[in-house]
């Protein structure tokens, strides 16, 4: 089974350091993704495969986390750890699924932004 991993995007900050420390205490692998890796499919990125491409446009500055291969308990504990340690939220978060594992980081970001926009437009009943 693949190692539980959290991919970090644009979190070279104090907040990112706190999240990486949370991963360390939970024995989760933490991996920062560079803009040169944004075009690599997520499943290849997690396996350490794929070609870096500095020439491709489409870098983004939003913070994003991708949680891969975490059990339901690990996922719950990770998200609760944010509240417990008073870590500010990361607005773009995703869990790796069979559907999105073939997407690259840019496509995932686009989909997350679309979902967020749709949720913001949905009236609360």
PDB file of N, CA and C in Angstrom:
ATOM      1  N   UNK A   1       0.836  -1.191   0.000  1.00  0.00           N
ATOM      2  CA  UNK A   1       0.000   0.000   0.000  1.00  0.00           C
ATOM      3  C   UNK A   1       0.882   1.257   0.000  1.00  0.00           C
ATOM      4  N   UNK A   2       0.430   2.259  -0.702  1.00  0.00           N
ATOM      5  CA  UNK A   2       1.184   3.506  -0.810  1.00  0.00           C
ATOM      6  C   UNK A   2       1.211   4.237   0.535  1.00  0.00           C
ATOM      7  N   UNK A   3       2.283   4.956   0.765  1.00  0.00           N
ATOM      8  CA  UNK A   3       2.450   5.694   2.017  1.00  0.00           C
ATOM      9  C   UNK A   3       1.477   6.868   2.073  1.00  0.00           C
ATOM     10  N   UNK A   4       0.834   7.082   3.230  1.00  0.00           N
ATOM     11  CA  UNK A   4      -0.024   8.258   3.391  1.00  0.00           C
ATOM     12  C   UNK A   4       0.804   9.525   3.191  1.00  0.00           C
ATOM     13  N   UNK A   5       0.372  10.363   2.258  1.00  0.00           N
ATOM     14  CA  UNK A   5       1.158  11.522   1.846  1.00  0.00           C
ATOM     15  C   UNK A   5       0.275  12.753   1.728  1.00  0.00           C
ATOM     16  N   UNK A   6       0.831  13.904   2.078  1.00  0.00           N
ATOM     17  CA  UNK A   6       0.159  15.184   1.872  1.00  0.00           C
ATOM     18  C   UNK A   6       1.052  16.005   0.951  1.00  0.00           C
ATOM     19  N   UNK A   7       0.476  16.414  -0.191  1.00  0.00           N
ATOM     20  CA  UNK A   7       1.196  17.274  -1.130  1.00  0.00           C
ATOM     21  C   UNK A   7       0.931  18.728  -0.771  1.00  0.00           C
ATOM     22  N   UNK A   8       1.982  19.528  -0.733  1.00  0.00           N
ATOM     23  CA  UNK A   8       1.912  20.940  -0.346  1.00  0.00           C
ATOM     24  C   UNK A   8       2.170  21.825  -1.564  1.00  0.00           C
ATOM     25  N   UNK A   9       1.329  22.829  -1.737  1.00  0.00           N
ATOM     26  CA  UNK A   9       1.494  23.806  -2.812  1.00  0.00           C
ATOM     27  C   UNK A   9       1.506  25.203  -2.198  1.00  0.00           C
ATOM     28  N   UNK A  10       2.528  25.969  -2.510  1.00  0.00           N
ATOM     29  CA  UNK A  10       2.619  27.369  -2.087  1.00  0.00           C
ATOM     30  C   UNK A  10       2.465  27.539  -0.575  1.00  0.00           C
ATOM     31  N   UNK A  11       3.072  26.643   0.159  1.00  0.00           N
ATOM     32  CA  UNK A  11       3.006  26.705   1.623  1.00  0.00           C
ATOM     33  C   UNK A  11       4.407  26.792   2.226  1.00  0.00           C
ATOM     34  N   UNK A  12       5.262  27.588   1.598  1.00  0.00           N
ATOM     35  CA  UNK A  12       6.587  27.857   2.153  1.00  0.00           C
ATOM     36  C   UNK A  12       6.458  29.037   3.108  1.00  0.00           C
ATOM     37  N   UNK A  13       5.814  28.767   4.231  1.00  0.00           N
ATOM     38  CA  UNK A  13       5.478  29.815   5.191  1.00  0.00           C
ATOM     39  C   UNK A  13       5.415  29.195   6.586  1.00  0.00           C
ATOM     40  N   UNK A  14       5.138  30.033   7.562  1.00  0.00           N
ATOM     41  CA  UNK A  14       4.976  29.550   8.931  1.00  0.00           C
ATOM     42  C   UNK A  14       3.803  28.570   9.009  1.00  0.00           C
ATOM     43  N   UNK A  15       2.724  28.886   8.290  1.00  0.00           N
ATOM     44  CA  UNK A  15       1.571  27.982   8.270  1.00  0.00           C
ATOM     45  C   UNK A  15       1.989  26.622   7.699  1.00  0.00           C
ATOM     46  N   UNK A  16       2.726  26.639   6.600  1.00  0.00           N
ATOM     47  CA  UNK A  16       3.196  25.400   5.999  1.00  0.00           C
ATOM     48  C   UNK A  16       4.082  24.605   6.940  1.00  0.00           C
ATOM     49  N   UNK A  17       4.932  25.314   7.680  1.00  0.00           N
ATOM     50  CA  UNK A  17       5.805  24.636   8.654  1.00  0.00           C
ATOM     51  C   UNK A  17       4.972  23.937   9.727  1.00  0.00           C
ATOM     52  N   UNK A  18       3.915  24.607  10.181  1.00  0.00           N
ATOM     53  CA  UNK A  18       3.039  24.013  11.204  1.00  0.00           C
ATOM     54  C   UNK A  18       2.314  22.783  10.658  1.00  0.00           C
ATOM     55  N   UNK A  19       1.890  22.857   9.399  1.00  0.00           N
ATOM     56  CA  UNK A  19       1.192  21.714   8.797  1.00  0.00           C
ATOM     57  C   UNK A  19       2.167  20.550   8.620  1.00  0.00           C
ATOM     58  N   UNK A  20       3.401  20.845   8.205  1.00  0.00           N
ATOM     59  CA  UNK A  20       4.398  19.783   8.053  1.00  0.00           C
ATOM     60  C   UNK A  20       4.723  19.138   9.400  1.00  0.00           C
ATOM     61  N   UNK A  21       4.766  19.937  10.443  1.00  0.00           N
ATOM     62  CA  UNK A  21       4.990  19.397  11.791  1.00  0.00           C
ATOM     63  C   UNK A  21       3.834  18.488  12.199  1.00  0.00           C
ATOM     64  N   UNK A  22       2.608  18.889  11.863  1.00  0.00           N
ATOM     65  CA  UNK A  22       1.437  18.051  12.125  1.00  0.00           C
ATOM     66  C   UNK A  22       1.576  16.720  11.383  1.00  0.00           C
ATOM     67  N   UNK A  23       2.002  16.774  10.121  1.00  0.00           N
ATOM     68  CA  UNK A  23       2.211  15.546   9.344  1.00  0.00           C
ATOM     69  C   UNK A  23       3.251  14.658  10.013  1.00  0.00           C
ATOM     70  N   UNK A  24       4.334  15.268  10.451  1.00  0.00           N
ATOM     71  CA  UNK A  24       5.411  14.520  11.098  1.00  0.00           C
ATOM     72  C   UNK A  24       4.898  13.799  12.345  1.00  0.00           C
ATOM     73  N   UNK A  25       4.132  14.493  13.169  1.00  0.00           N
ATOM     74  CA  UNK A  25       3.630  13.872  14.401  1.00  0.00           C
ATOM     75  C   UNK A  25       2.634  12.748  14.096  1.00  0.00           C
ATOM     76  N   UNK A  26       1.992  12.822  12.920  1.00  0.00           N
ATOM     77  CA  UNK A  26       1.022  11.793  12.538  1.00  0.00           C
ATOM     78  C   UNK A  26       1.641  10.713  11.646  1.00  0.00           C
ATOM     79  N   UNK A  27       2.951  10.809  11.403  1.00  0.00           N
ATOM     80  CA  UNK A  27       3.660   9.867  10.535  1.00  0.00           C
ATOM     81  C   UNK A  27       3.109   9.864   9.109  1.00  0.00           C
ATOM     82  N   UNK A  28       2.778  11.074   8.622  1.00  0.00           N
ATOM     83  CA  UNK A  28       2.342  11.261   7.248  1.00  0.00           C
ATOM     84  C   UNK A  28       3.506  11.862   6.470  1.00  0.00           C
ATOM     85  N   UNK A  29       3.705  11.407   5.270  1.00  0.00           N
ATOM     86  CA  UNK A  29       4.751  11.969   4.412  1.00  0.00           C
ATOM     87  C   UNK A  29       4.276  13.336   3.922  1.00  0.00           C
ATOM     88  N   UNK A  30       5.125  14.332   4.002  1.00  0.00           N
ATOM     89  CA  UNK A  30       4.812  15.683   3.521  1.00  0.00           C
ATOM     90  C   UNK A  30       5.752  15.979   2.365  1.00  0.00           C
ATOM     91  N   UNK A  31       5.166  16.415   1.240  1.00  0.00           N
ATOM     92  CA  UNK A  31       5.985  16.687   0.061  1.00  0.00           C
ATOM     93  C   UNK A  31       5.564  17.998  -0.582  1.00  0.00           C
ATOM     94  N   UNK A  32       6.508  18.924  -0.700  1.00  0.00           N
ATOM     95  CA  UNK A  32       6.242  20.190  -1.379  1.00  0.00           C
ATOM     96  C   UNK A  32       6.338  19.963  -2.879  1.00  0.00           C
ATOM     97  N   UNK A  33       5.401  20.553  -3.615  1.00  0.00           N
ATOM     98  CA  UNK A  33       5.359  20.431  -5.068  1.00  0.00           C
ATOM     99  C   UNK A  33       5.803  21.765  -5.654  1.00  0.00           C
ATOM    100  N   UNK A  34       6.792  21.718  -6.531  1.00  0.00           N
ATOM    101  CA  UNK A  34       7.303  22.940  -7.159  1.00  0.00           C
ATOM    102  C   UNK A  34       6.493  23.243  -8.421  1.00  0.00           C
ATOM    103  N   UNK A  35       6.469  24.510  -8.849  1.00  0.00           N
ATOM    104  CA  UNK A  35       5.758  24.851 -10.088  1.00  0.00           C
ATOM    105  C   UNK A  35       6.214  24.030 -11.297  1.00  0.00           C
ATOM    106  N   UNK A  36       7.462  23.605 -11.321  1.00  0.00           N
ATOM    107  CA  UNK A  36       7.960  22.795 -12.430  1.00  0.00           C
ATOM    108  C   UNK A  36       7.298  21.420 -12.472  1.00  0.00           C
ATOM    109  N   UNK A  37       6.634  21.025 -11.371  1.00  0.00           N
ATOM    110  CA  UNK A  37       5.971  19.716 -11.295  1.00  0.00           C
ATOM    111  C   UNK A  37       4.458  19.804 -11.489  1.00  0.00           C
ATOM    112  N   UNK A  38       3.925  21.003 -11.705  1.00  0.00           N
ATOM    113  CA  UNK A  38       2.477  21.181 -11.807  1.00  0.00           C
ATOM    114  C   UNK A  38       1.864  20.418 -12.974  1.00  0.00           C
ATOM    115  N   UNK A  39       2.618  20.110 -14.020  1.00  0.00           N
ATOM    116  CA  UNK A  39       2.090  19.409 -15.183  1.00  0.00           C
ATOM    117  C   UNK A  39       2.142  17.891 -15.072  1.00  0.00           C
ATOM    118  N   UNK A  40       2.682  17.371 -13.990  1.00  0.00           N
ATOM    119  CA  UNK A  40       2.799  15.919 -13.795  1.00  0.00           C
ATOM    120  C   UNK A  40       1.502  15.395 -13.184  1.00  0.00           C
ATOM    121  N   UNK A  41       0.919  14.317 -13.731  1.00  0.00           N
ATOM    122  CA  UNK A  41      -0.287  13.738 -13.115  1.00  0.00           C
ATOM    123  C   UNK A  41      -0.033  13.398 -11.640  1.00  0.00           C
ATOM    124  N   UNK A  42      -1.047  13.596 -10.827  1.00  0.00           N
ATOM    125  CA  UNK A  42      -0.898  13.407  -9.372  1.00  0.00           C
ATOM    126  C   UNK A  42      -0.365  12.026  -9.015  1.00  0.00           C
ATOM    127  N   UNK A  43      -0.880  10.968  -9.664  1.00  0.00           N
ATOM    128  CA  UNK A  43      -0.420   9.620  -9.320  1.00  0.00           C
ATOM    129  C   UNK A  43       1.069   9.451  -9.619  1.00  0.00           C
ATOM    130  N   UNK A  44       1.558  10.054 -10.698  1.00  0.00           N
ATOM    131  CA  UNK A  44       2.983   9.981 -11.020  1.00  0.00           C
ATOM    132  C   UNK A  44       3.806  10.821 -10.046  1.00  0.00           C
ATOM    133  N   UNK A  45       3.283  11.967  -9.675  1.00  0.00           N
ATOM    134  CA  UNK A  45       3.940  12.845  -8.717  1.00  0.00           C
ATOM    135  C   UNK A  45       4.164  12.110  -7.397  1.00  0.00           C
ATOM    136  N   UNK A  46       3.148  11.392  -6.942  1.00  0.00           N
ATOM    137  CA  UNK A  46       3.234  10.651  -5.684  1.00  0.00           C
ATOM    138  C   UNK A  46       4.217   9.482  -5.769  1.00  0.00           C
ATOM    139  N   UNK A  47       4.417   8.963  -6.967  1.00  0.00           N
ATOM    140  CA  UNK A  47       5.355   7.851  -7.163  1.00  0.00           C
ATOM    141  C   UNK A  47       6.768   8.342  -7.474  1.00  0.00           C
ATOM    142  N   UNK A  48       6.946   9.671  -7.548  1.00  0.00           N
ATOM    143  CA  UNK A  48       8.256  10.221  -7.855  1.00  0.00           C
ATOM    144  C   UNK A  48       8.613  10.100  -9.324  1.00  0.00           C
ATOM    145  N   UNK A  49       7.592   9.957 -10.164  1.00  0.00           N
ATOM    146  CA  UNK A  49       7.826   9.840 -11.609  1.00  0.00           C
ATOM    147  C   UNK A  49       7.441  11.145 -12.279  1.00  0.00           C
ATOM    148  N   UNK A  50       7.585  11.188 -13.580  1.00  0.00           N
ATOM    149  CA  UNK A  50       7.163  12.355 -14.348  1.00  0.00           C
ATOM    150  C   UNK A  50       8.315  13.311 -14.579  1.00  0.00           C
ATOM    151  N   UNK A  51       8.203  14.053 -15.656  1.00  0.00           N
ATOM    152  CA  UNK A  51       9.225  15.005 -16.057  1.00  0.00           C
ATOM    153  C   UNK A  51       8.866  16.405 -15.593  1.00  0.00           C
ATOM    154  N   UNK A  52       9.803  17.068 -14.946  1.00  0.00           N
ATOM    155  CA  UNK A  52       9.603  18.463 -14.572  1.00  0.00           C
ATOM    156  C   UNK A  52       9.640  19.305 -15.841  1.00  0.00           C
ATOM    157  N   UNK A  53       8.834  20.355 -15.866  1.00  0.00           N
ATOM    158  CA  UNK A  53       8.793  21.217 -17.034  1.00  0.00           C
ATOM    159  C   UNK A  53       8.701  22.663 -16.583  1.00  0.00           C
ATOM    160  N   UNK A  54       9.799  23.364 -16.667  1.00  0.00           N
ATOM    161  CA  UNK A  54       9.826  24.762 -16.249  1.00  0.00           C
ATOM    162  C   UNK A  54       9.182  25.683 -17.279  1.00  0.00           C
ATOM    163  N   UNK A  55       9.103  25.242 -18.526  1.00  0.00           N
ATOM    164  CA  UNK A  55       8.614  26.108 -19.596  1.00  0.00           C
ATOM    165  C   UNK A  55       7.094  26.266 -19.591  1.00  0.00           C
ATOM    166  N   UNK A  56       6.383  25.311 -19.021  1.00  0.00           N
ATOM    167  CA  UNK A  56       4.919  25.340 -19.089  1.00  0.00           C
ATOM    168  C   UNK A  56       4.353  26.455 -18.215  1.00  0.00           C
ATOM    169  N   UNK A  57       3.425  27.193 -18.766  1.00  0.00           N
ATOM    170  CA  UNK A  57       2.769  28.263 -18.027  1.00  0.00           C
ATOM    171  C   UNK A  57       1.651  27.686 -17.172  1.00  0.00           C
ATOM    172  N   UNK A  58       1.082  28.516 -16.354  1.00  0.00           N
ATOM    173  CA  UNK A  58      -0.035  28.067 -15.548  1.00  0.00           C
ATOM    174  C   UNK A  58       0.325  27.889 -14.091  1.00  0.00           C
ATOM    175  N   UNK A  59       1.388  28.554 -13.656  1.00  0.00           N
ATOM    176  CA  UNK A  59       1.696  28.506 -12.228  1.00  0.00           C
ATOM    177  C   UNK A  59       0.566  29.191 -11.484  1.00  0.00           C
ATOM    178  N   UNK A  60       0.411  28.860 -10.231  1.00  0.00           N
ATOM    179  CA  UNK A  60      -0.619  29.511  -9.422  1.00  0.00           C
ATOM    180  C   UNK A  60      -0.053  29.801  -8.048  1.00  0.00           C
ATOM    181  N   UNK A  61      -0.686  30.738  -7.370  1.00  0.00           N
ATOM    182  CA  UNK A  61      -0.153  31.176  -6.084  1.00  0.00           C
ATOM    183  C   UNK A  61      -1.009  30.744  -4.900  1.00  0.00           C
ATOM    184  N   UNK A  62      -2.182  30.175  -5.162  1.00  0.00           N
ATOM    185  CA  UNK A  62      -3.042  29.754  -4.052  1.00  0.00           C
ATOM    186  C   UNK A  62      -2.405  28.590  -3.289  1.00  0.00           C
ATOM    187  N   UNK A  63      -2.637  28.592  -1.995  1.00  0.00           N
ATOM    188  CA  UNK A  63      -2.220  27.448  -1.177  1.00  0.00           C
ATOM    189  C   UNK A  63      -3.151  26.285  -1.494  1.00  0.00           C
ATOM    190  N   UNK A  64      -2.574  25.078  -1.546  1.00  0.00           N
ATOM    191  CA  UNK A  64      -3.383  23.897  -1.829  1.00  0.00           C
ATOM    192  C   UNK A  64      -2.757  22.691  -1.145  1.00  0.00           C
ATOM    193  N   UNK A  65      -3.602  21.783  -0.691  1.00  0.00           N
ATOM    194  CA  UNK A  65      -3.161  20.515  -0.103  1.00  0.00           C
ATOM    195  C   UNK A  65      -3.871  19.378  -0.828  1.00  0.00           C
ATOM    196  N   UNK A  66      -3.137  18.303  -1.089  1.00  0.00           N
ATOM    197  CA  UNK A  66      -3.732  17.084  -1.621  1.00  0.00           C
ATOM    198  C   UNK A  66      -3.373  15.965  -0.657  1.00  0.00           C
ATOM    199  N   UNK A  67      -4.400  15.318  -0.123  1.00  0.00           N
ATOM    200  CA  UNK A  67      -4.198  14.234   0.835  1.00  0.00           C
ATOM    201  C   UNK A  67      -4.379  12.910   0.100  1.00  0.00           C
ATOM    202  N   UNK A  68      -3.331  12.103   0.105  1.00  0.00           N
ATOM    203  CA  UNK A  68      -3.332  10.859  -0.658  1.00  0.00           C
ATOM    204  C   UNK A  68      -3.054   9.666   0.249  1.00  0.00           C
ATOM    205  N   UNK A  69      -3.857   8.635   0.078  1.00  0.00           N
ATOM    206  CA  UNK A  69      -3.663   7.349   0.755  1.00  0.00           C
ATOM    207  C   UNK A  69      -3.818   7.426   2.273  1.00  0.00           C
ATOM    208  N   UNK A  70      -4.578   8.403   2.771  1.00  0.00           N
ATOM    209  CA  UNK A  70      -4.862   8.488   4.202  1.00  0.00           C
ATOM    210  C   UNK A  70      -6.112   7.660   4.480  1.00  0.00           C
ATOM    211  N   UNK A  71      -6.112   6.952   5.599  1.00  0.00           N
ATOM    212  CA  UNK A  71      -7.330   6.252   6.018  1.00  0.00           C
ATOM    213  C   UNK A  71      -8.340   7.310   6.466  1.00  0.00           C
ATOM    214  N   UNK A  72      -9.588   6.904   6.619  1.00  0.00           N
ATOM    215  CA  UNK A  72     -10.611   7.850   7.101  1.00  0.00           C
ATOM    216  C   UNK A  72     -10.219   8.422   8.458  1.00  0.00           C
ATOM    217  N   UNK A  73      -9.667   7.580   9.328  1.00  0.00           N
ATOM    218  CA  UNK A  73      -9.235   8.029  10.651  1.00  0.00           C
ATOM    219  C   UNK A  73      -8.091   9.030  10.562  1.00  0.00           C
ATOM    220  N   UNK A  74      -7.125   8.765   9.682  1.00  0.00           N
ATOM    221  CA  UNK A  74      -6.006   9.689   9.509  1.00  0.00           C
ATOM    222  C   UNK A  74      -6.487  11.021   8.949  1.00  0.00           C
ATOM    223  N   UNK A  75      -7.407  10.963   7.994  1.00  0.00           N
ATOM    224  CA  UNK A  75      -7.936  12.187   7.395  1.00  0.00           C
ATOM    225  C   UNK A  75      -8.663  13.016   8.449  1.00  0.00           C
ATOM    226  N   UNK A  76      -9.522  12.379   9.235  1.00  0.00           N
ATOM    227  CA  UNK A  76     -10.235  13.093  10.299  1.00  0.00           C
ATOM    228  C   UNK A  76      -9.260  13.701  11.302  1.00  0.00           C
ATOM    229  N   UNK A  77      -8.264  12.917  11.717  1.00  0.00           N
ATOM    230  CA  UNK A  77      -7.290  13.402  12.703  1.00  0.00           C
ATOM    231  C   UNK A  77      -6.461  14.561  12.128  1.00  0.00           C
ATOM    232  N   UNK A  78      -6.124  14.478  10.851  1.00  0.00           N
ATOM    233  CA  UNK A  78      -5.348  15.545  10.204  1.00  0.00           C
ATOM    234  C   UNK A  78      -6.150  16.838  10.208  1.00  0.00           C
ATOM    235  N   UNK A  79      -7.405  16.773   9.793  1.00  0.00           N
ATOM    236  CA  UNK A  79      -8.238  17.971   9.749  1.00  0.00           C
ATOM    237  C   UNK A  79      -8.545  18.501  11.155  1.00  0.00           C
ATOM    238  N   UNK A  80      -8.736  17.614  12.115  1.00  0.00           N
ATOM    239  CA  UNK A  80      -8.938  18.049  13.502  1.00  0.00           C
ATOM    240  C   UNK A  80      -7.672  18.686  14.059  1.00  0.00           C
ATOM    241  N   UNK A  81      -6.513  18.210  13.602  1.00  0.00           N
ATOM    242  CA  UNK A  81      -5.233  18.768  14.038  1.00  0.00           C
ATOM    243  C   UNK A  81      -5.105  20.245  13.667  1.00  0.00           C
ATOM    244  N   UNK A  82      -5.702  20.644  12.540  1.00  0.00           N
ATOM    245  CA  UNK A  82      -5.707  22.065  12.161  1.00  0.00           C
ATOM    246  C   UNK A  82      -6.391  22.885  13.246  1.00  0.00           C
ATOM    247  N   UNK A  83      -7.543  22.425  13.684  1.00  0.00           N
ATOM    248  CA  UNK A  83      -8.295  23.168  14.715  1.00  0.00           C
ATOM    249  C   UNK A  83      -7.564  23.128  16.054  1.00  0.00           C
ATOM    250  N   UNK A  84      -7.102  21.951  16.416  1.00  0.00           N
ATOM    251  CA  UNK A  84      -6.436  21.776  17.706  1.00  0.00           C
ATOM    252  C   UNK A  84      -5.183  22.652  17.813  1.00  0.00           C
ATOM    253  N   UNK A  85      -4.424  22.733  16.725  1.00  0.00           N
ATOM    254  CA  UNK A  85      -3.177  23.509  16.726  1.00  0.00           C
ATOM    255  C   UNK A  85      -3.379  24.937  16.229  1.00  0.00           C
ATOM    256  N   UNK A  86      -4.646  25.295  15.990  1.00  0.00           N
ATOM    257  CA  UNK A  86      -5.003  26.657  15.554  1.00  0.00           C
ATOM    258  C   UNK A  86      -4.258  27.062  14.284  1.00  0.00           C
ATOM    259  N   UNK A  87      -4.179  26.139  13.330  1.00  0.00           N
ATOM    260  CA  UNK A  87      -3.557  26.424  12.032  1.00  0.00           C
ATOM    261  C   UNK A  87      -4.635  27.039  11.139  1.00  0.00           C
ATOM    262  N   UNK A  88      -4.356  28.190  10.539  1.00  0.00           N
ATOM    263  CA  UNK A  88      -5.345  28.801   9.639  1.00  0.00           C
ATOM    264  C   UNK A  88      -5.696  27.841   8.499  1.00  0.00           C
ATOM    265  N   UNK A  89      -6.931  27.905   8.006  1.00  0.00           N
ATOM    266  CA  UNK A  89      -7.346  26.965   6.958  1.00  0.00           C
ATOM    267  C   UNK A  89      -6.626  27.186   5.632  1.00  0.00           C
ATOM    268  N   UNK A  90      -6.536  26.116   4.868  1.00  0.00           N
ATOM    269  CA  UNK A  90      -6.071  26.153   3.484  1.00  0.00           C
ATOM    270  C   UNK A  90      -7.330  25.970   2.653  1.00  0.00           C
ATOM    271  N   UNK A  91      -7.662  26.956   1.819  1.00  0.00           N
ATOM    272  CA  UNK A  91      -8.967  26.926   1.148  1.00  0.00           C
ATOM    273  C   UNK A  91      -9.072  25.863   0.061  1.00  0.00           C
ATOM    274  N   UNK A  92      -7.968  25.508  -0.570  1.00  0.00           N
ATOM    275  CA  UNK A  92      -8.022  24.481  -1.608  1.00  0.00           C
ATOM    276  C   UNK A  92      -7.436  23.184  -1.060  1.00  0.00           C
ATOM    277  N   UNK A  93      -8.337  22.227  -0.808  1.00  0.00           N
ATOM    278  CA  UNK A  93      -7.932  20.917  -0.282  1.00  0.00           C
ATOM    279  C   UNK A  93      -8.642  19.844  -1.092  1.00  0.00           C
ATOM    280  N   UNK A  94      -7.945  18.736  -1.320  1.00  0.00           N
ATOM    281  CA  UNK A  94      -8.548  17.626  -2.039  1.00  0.00           C
ATOM    282  C   UNK A  94      -8.008  16.314  -1.486  1.00  0.00           C
ATOM    283  N   UNK A  95      -8.814  15.285  -1.656  1.00  0.00           N
ATOM    284  CA  UNK A  95      -8.396  13.926  -1.354  1.00  0.00           C
ATOM    285  C   UNK A  95      -8.168  13.246  -2.693  1.00  0.00           C
ATOM    286  N   UNK A  96      -7.074  12.523  -2.833  1.00  0.00           N
ATOM    287  CA  UNK A  96      -6.785  11.801  -4.067  1.00  0.00           C
ATOM    288  C   UNK A  96      -7.849  10.719  -4.262  1.00  0.00           C
ATOM    289  N   UNK A  97      -8.418  10.681  -5.461  1.00  0.00           N
ATOM    290  CA  UNK A  97      -9.430   9.676  -5.809  1.00  0.00           C
ATOM    291  C   UNK A  97      -9.027   9.022  -7.125  1.00  0.00           C
ATOM    292  N   UNK A  98      -9.659   7.905  -7.476  1.00  0.00           N
ATOM    293  CA  UNK A  98      -9.375   7.315  -8.789  1.00  0.00           C
ATOM    294  C   UNK A  98      -9.673   8.307  -9.927  1.00  0.00           C
ATOM    295  N   UNK A  99     -10.678   9.151  -9.746  1.00  0.00           N
ATOM    296  CA  UNK A  99     -11.048  10.117 -10.792  1.00  0.00           C
ATOM    297  C   UNK A  99     -10.004  11.205 -10.970  1.00  0.00           C
ATOM    298  N   UNK A 100      -9.486  11.754  -9.854  1.00  0.00           N
ATOM    299  CA  UNK A 100      -8.567  12.894  -9.994  1.00  0.00           C
ATOM    300  C   UNK A 100      -7.091  12.489 -10.011  1.00  0.00           C
ATOM    301  N   UNK A 101      -6.787  11.219  -9.835  1.00  0.00           N
ATOM    302  CA  UNK A 101      -5.380  10.800  -9.773  1.00  0.00           C
ATOM    303  C   UNK A 101      -4.652  10.987 -11.101  1.00  0.00           C
ATOM    304  N   UNK A 102      -5.400  11.056 -12.212  1.00  0.00           N
ATOM    305  CA  UNK A 102      -4.766  11.255 -13.519  1.00  0.00           C
ATOM    306  C   UNK A 102      -4.656  12.736 -13.873  1.00  0.00           C
ATOM    307  N   UNK A 103      -5.253  13.596 -13.079  1.00  0.00           N
ATOM    308  CA  UNK A 103      -5.184  15.036 -13.324  1.00  0.00           C
ATOM    309  C   UNK A 103      -3.824  15.561 -12.893  1.00  0.00           C
ATOM    310  N   UNK A 104      -3.411  16.668 -13.508  1.00  0.00           N
ATOM    311  CA  UNK A 104      -2.222  17.343 -13.007  1.00  0.00           C
ATOM    312  C   UNK A 104      -2.663  18.400 -11.984  1.00  0.00           C
ATOM    313  N   UNK A 105      -1.709  19.042 -11.363  1.00  0.00           N
ATOM    314  CA  UNK A 105      -2.005  20.000 -10.285  1.00  0.00           C
ATOM    315  C   UNK A 105      -2.845  21.172 -10.771  1.00  0.00           C
ATOM    316  N   UNK A 106      -2.592  21.623 -11.992  1.00  0.00           N
ATOM    317  CA  UNK A 106      -3.352  22.755 -12.526  1.00  0.00           C
ATOM    318  C   UNK A 106      -4.825  22.406 -12.710  1.00  0.00           C
ATOM    319  N   UNK A 107      -5.082  21.218 -13.260  1.00  0.00           N
ATOM    320  CA  UNK A 107      -6.470  20.779 -13.479  1.00  0.00           C
ATOM    321  C   UNK A 107      -7.184  20.627 -12.137  1.00  0.00           C
ATOM    322  N   UNK A 108      -6.508  20.041 -11.154  1.00  0.00           N
ATOM    323  CA  UNK A 108      -7.117  19.885  -9.830  1.00  0.00           C
ATOM    324  C   UNK A 108      -7.458  21.252  -9.251  1.00  0.00           C
ATOM    325  N   UNK A 109      -6.536  22.197  -9.344  1.00  0.00           N
ATOM    326  CA  UNK A 109      -6.791  23.550  -8.840  1.00  0.00           C
ATOM    327  C   UNK A 109      -8.003  24.160  -9.530  1.00  0.00           C
ATOM    328  N   UNK A 110      -8.081  24.037 -10.865  1.00  0.00           N
ATOM    329  CA  UNK A 110      -9.228  24.574 -11.606  1.00  0.00           C
ATOM    330  C   UNK A 110     -10.539  23.978 -11.114  1.00  0.00           C
ATOM    331  N   UNK A 111     -10.548  22.669 -10.916  1.00  0.00           N
ATOM    332  CA  UNK A 111     -11.766  21.991 -10.442  1.00  0.00           C
ATOM    333  C   UNK A 111     -12.132  22.441  -9.026  1.00  0.00           C
ATOM    334  N   UNK A 112     -11.149  22.583  -8.155  1.00  0.00           N
ATOM    335  CA  UNK A 112     -11.417  23.033  -6.791  1.00  0.00           C
ATOM    336  C   UNK A 112     -11.957  24.463  -6.780  1.00  0.00           C
ATOM    337  N   UNK A 113     -11.396  25.317  -7.634  1.00  0.00           N
ATOM    338  CA  UNK A 113     -11.900  26.696  -7.722  1.00  0.00           C
ATOM    339  C   UNK A 113     -13.332  26.715  -8.245  1.00  0.00           C
ATOM    340  N   UNK A 114     -13.628  25.859  -9.233  1.00  0.00           N
ATOM    341  CA  UNK A 114     -14.990  25.764  -9.776  1.00  0.00           C
ATOM    342  C   UNK A 114     -15.971  25.295  -8.695  1.00  0.00           C
ATOM    343  N   UNK A 115     -15.570  24.281  -7.940  1.00  0.00           N
ATOM    344  CA  UNK A 115     -16.420  23.764  -6.850  1.00  0.00           C
ATOM    345  C   UNK A 115     -16.669  24.852  -5.807  1.00  0.00           C
ATOM    346  N   UNK A 116     -15.616  25.554  -5.433  1.00  0.00           N
ATOM    347  CA  UNK A 116     -15.746  26.605  -4.415  1.00  0.00           C
ATOM    348  C   UNK A 116     -16.692  27.698  -4.896  1.00  0.00           C
ATOM    349  N   UNK A 117     -16.547  28.096  -6.157  1.00  0.00           N
ATOM    350  CA  UNK A 117     -17.411  29.123  -6.734  1.00  0.00           C
ATOM    351  C   UNK A 117     -18.872  28.660  -6.753  1.00  0.00           C
ATOM    352  N   UNK A 118     -19.080  27.401  -7.138  1.00  0.00           N
ATOM    353  CA  UNK A 118     -20.450  26.870  -7.178  1.00  0.00           C
ATOM    354  C   UNK A 118     -21.058  26.826  -5.774  1.00  0.00           C
ATOM    355  N   UNK A 119     -20.267  26.462  -4.783  1.00  0.00           N
ATOM    356  CA  UNK A 119     -20.777  26.406  -3.411  1.00  0.00           C
ATOM    357  C   UNK A 119     -21.093  27.789  -2.888  1.00  0.00           C
ATOM    358  N   UNK A 120     -20.291  28.780  -3.266  1.00  0.00           N
ATOM    359  CA  UNK A 120     -20.542  30.148  -2.812  1.00  0.00           C
ATOM    360  C   UNK A 120     -21.820  30.716  -3.433  1.00  0.00           C
ATOM    361  N   UNK A 121     -22.182  30.234  -4.619  1.00  0.00           N
ATOM    362  CA  UNK A 121     -23.392  30.707  -5.285  1.00  0.00           C
ATOM    363  C   UNK A 121     -24.643  29.993  -4.806  1.00  0.00           C
ATOM    364  N   UNK A 122     -24.481  28.837  -4.186  1.00  0.00           N
ATOM    365  CA  UNK A 122     -25.628  28.043  -3.738  1.00  0.00           C
ATOM    366  C   UNK A 122     -26.240  28.706  -2.496  1.00  0.00           C
ATOM    367  N   UNK A 123     -27.539  29.011  -2.556  1.00  0.00           N
ATOM    368  CA  UNK A 123     -28.173  29.641  -1.380  1.00  0.00           C
ATOM    369  C   UNK A 123     -28.275  28.662  -0.214  1.00  0.00           C
ATOM    370  N   UNK A 124     -28.100  29.187   0.967  1.00  0.00           N
ATOM    371  CA  UNK A 124     -28.237  28.387   2.180  1.00  0.00           C
ATOM    372  C   UNK A 124     -29.729  28.338   2.531  1.00  0.00           C
ATOM    373  N   UNK A 125     -30.216  27.145   2.776  1.00  0.00           N
ATOM    374  CA  UNK A 125     -31.656  26.989   3.093  1.00  0.00           C
ATOM    375  C   UNK A 125     -31.860  26.913   4.578  1.00  0.00           C
TER     376      UNK A 125
END
